[in-house]
Amino acid sequence: DRKKDDVIEEVEKIIEDESVKKIVVGMPVGLKNNDTLQTTKTREFMASLMKAFGERMEIVEQTEMFSSAEAKRIIAEEGGRPDEEHAEAARLVLASYIKNNS
């Protein structure tokens, strides 16, 4: 589908521009650590990443449970803009991955 192709092309540009060596995908899960509809969609996207880039680099998943709530709290506490929530949540997911894999 065209939207997915556009995303893969954009990821390709980022990989080249930023010399990316690994992709960390935030994996949404339910409150009981169960799969949700969004988990399924994210796994499908991850499969697309694996197909496009899996031979060149490692693609891993990191649970993103509570990352959005924590991001919202941090932004409110630090006086940030609400539109920064997704970027802050992504930063938290990546920090969690690094902490758990160092």
Protein backbone atom coordinates (compact mmCIF):
# COMPACT_ATOMS: atom_id res chain seq x y z
CA ASP A 1 0.00 0.00 0.00
CA ARG A 2 1.19 3.48 -0.86
CA LYS A 3 1.20 4.90 2.69
CA LYS A 4 3.38 2.02 3.93
CA ASP A 5 5.71 2.46 0.93
CA ASP A 6 6.04 6.17 1.73
CA VAL A 7 6.97 5.37 5.33
CA ILE A 8 9.57 2.80 4.25
CA GLU A 9 11.07 5.36 1.85
CA GLU A 10 11.21 7.94 4.64
CA VAL A 11 12.87 5.44 6.99
CA GLU A 12 15.40 4.70 4.23
CA LYS A 13 16.28 8.41 4.03
CA ILE A 14 16.71 8.61 7.81
CA ILE A 15 18.92 5.49 7.82
CA GLU A 16 21.17 7.03 5.18
CA ASP A 17 21.22 10.57 6.63
CA GLU A 18 21.81 9.48 10.22
CA SER A 19 23.95 6.32 9.67
CA VAL A 20 21.43 4.20 11.59
CA LYS A 21 22.76 0.83 12.77
CA LYS A 22 19.69 -0.50 14.59
CA ILE A 23 15.96 0.22 14.61
CA VAL A 24 14.09 0.01 17.92
CA VAL A 25 10.32 -0.35 17.50
CA GLY A 26 8.10 0.61 20.42
CA MET A 27 5.67 -2.28 20.88
CA PRO A 28 2.31 -1.32 22.38
CA VAL A 29 0.75 -3.88 24.69
CA GLY A 30 -2.38 -3.98 26.82
CA LEU A 31 -2.41 -3.34 30.56
CA LYS A 32 -2.25 -7.08 31.19
CA ASN A 33 0.77 -7.33 28.87
CA ASN A 34 -1.58 -8.75 26.24
CA ASP A 35 -1.66 -8.11 22.50
CA THR A 36 -4.08 -5.47 21.25
CA LEU A 37 -5.16 -4.38 17.79
CA GLN A 38 -2.36 -1.81 17.85
CA THR A 39 0.14 -4.55 18.80
CA THR A 40 -0.91 -6.47 15.70
CA LYS A 41 -0.59 -3.40 13.47
CA THR A 42 2.83 -2.60 14.91
CA ARG A 43 4.04 -6.18 14.37
CA GLU A 44 2.87 -5.92 10.74
CA PHE A 45 4.84 -2.67 10.38
CA MET A 46 7.86 -4.30 12.02
CA ALA A 47 7.62 -7.13 9.48
CA SER A 48 7.72 -4.51 6.70
CA LEU A 49 10.84 -3.01 8.28
CA MET A 50 12.42 -6.47 8.51
CA LYS A 51 11.67 -7.12 4.86
CA ALA A 52 13.11 -3.77 3.77
CA PHE A 53 16.10 -3.49 6.12
CA GLY A 54 16.52 -6.73 8.07
CA GLU A 55 19.54 -7.90 6.11
CA ARG A 56 21.37 -4.61 6.75
CA MET A 57 20.64 -4.03 10.41
CA GLU A 58 19.09 -5.35 13.57
CA ILE A 59 15.43 -4.48 14.15
CA VAL A 60 14.24 -5.00 17.70
CA GLU A 61 11.14 -4.34 19.75
CA GLN A 62 10.83 -2.64 23.11
CA THR A 63 7.64 -2.62 25.14
CA GLU A 64 6.21 0.89 25.34
CA MET A 65 3.82 0.29 28.21
CA PHE A 66 3.03 3.58 29.99
CA SER A 67 5.44 5.58 27.78
CA SER A 68 2.68 7.95 26.59
CA ALA A 69 1.39 8.56 30.12
CA GLU A 70 4.92 9.16 31.39
CA ALA A 71 5.68 11.45 28.44
CA LYS A 72 2.53 13.45 29.13
CA ARG A 73 3.54 13.78 32.80
CA ILE A 74 7.09 14.91 31.95
CA ILE A 75 5.90 17.48 29.42
CA ALA A 76 3.37 18.92 31.85
CA GLU A 77 5.96 19.02 34.64
CA GLU A 78 8.60 20.70 32.45
CA GLY A 79 6.21 23.07 30.70
CA GLY A 80 6.64 21.48 27.27
CA ARG A 81 4.20 21.59 24.39
CA PRO A 82 1.54 18.85 24.14
CA ASP A 83 2.53 18.18 20.51
CA GLU A 84 5.90 16.91 21.81
CA GLU A 85 4.26 13.93 23.54
CA HIS A 86 5.01 11.37 20.80
CA ALA A 87 8.66 12.41 20.55
CA GLU A 88 9.05 12.25 24.33
CA ALA A 89 7.38 8.82 24.43
CA ALA A 90 9.79 7.62 21.72
CA ARG A 91 12.72 8.96 23.74
CA LEU A 92 11.48 7.04 26.79
CA VAL A 93 11.12 3.81 24.80
CA LEU A 94 14.64 4.17 23.42
CA ALA A 95 16.07 5.01 26.86
CA SER A 96 14.34 1.92 28.26
CA TYR A 97 15.82 -0.25 25.50
CA ILE A 98 19.32 1.13 26.13
CA LYS A 99 18.99 0.63 29.90
CA ASN A 100 17.78 -2.96 29.47
CA ASN A 101 20.44 -3.87 26.90
CA SER A 102 23.61 -2.25 28.20
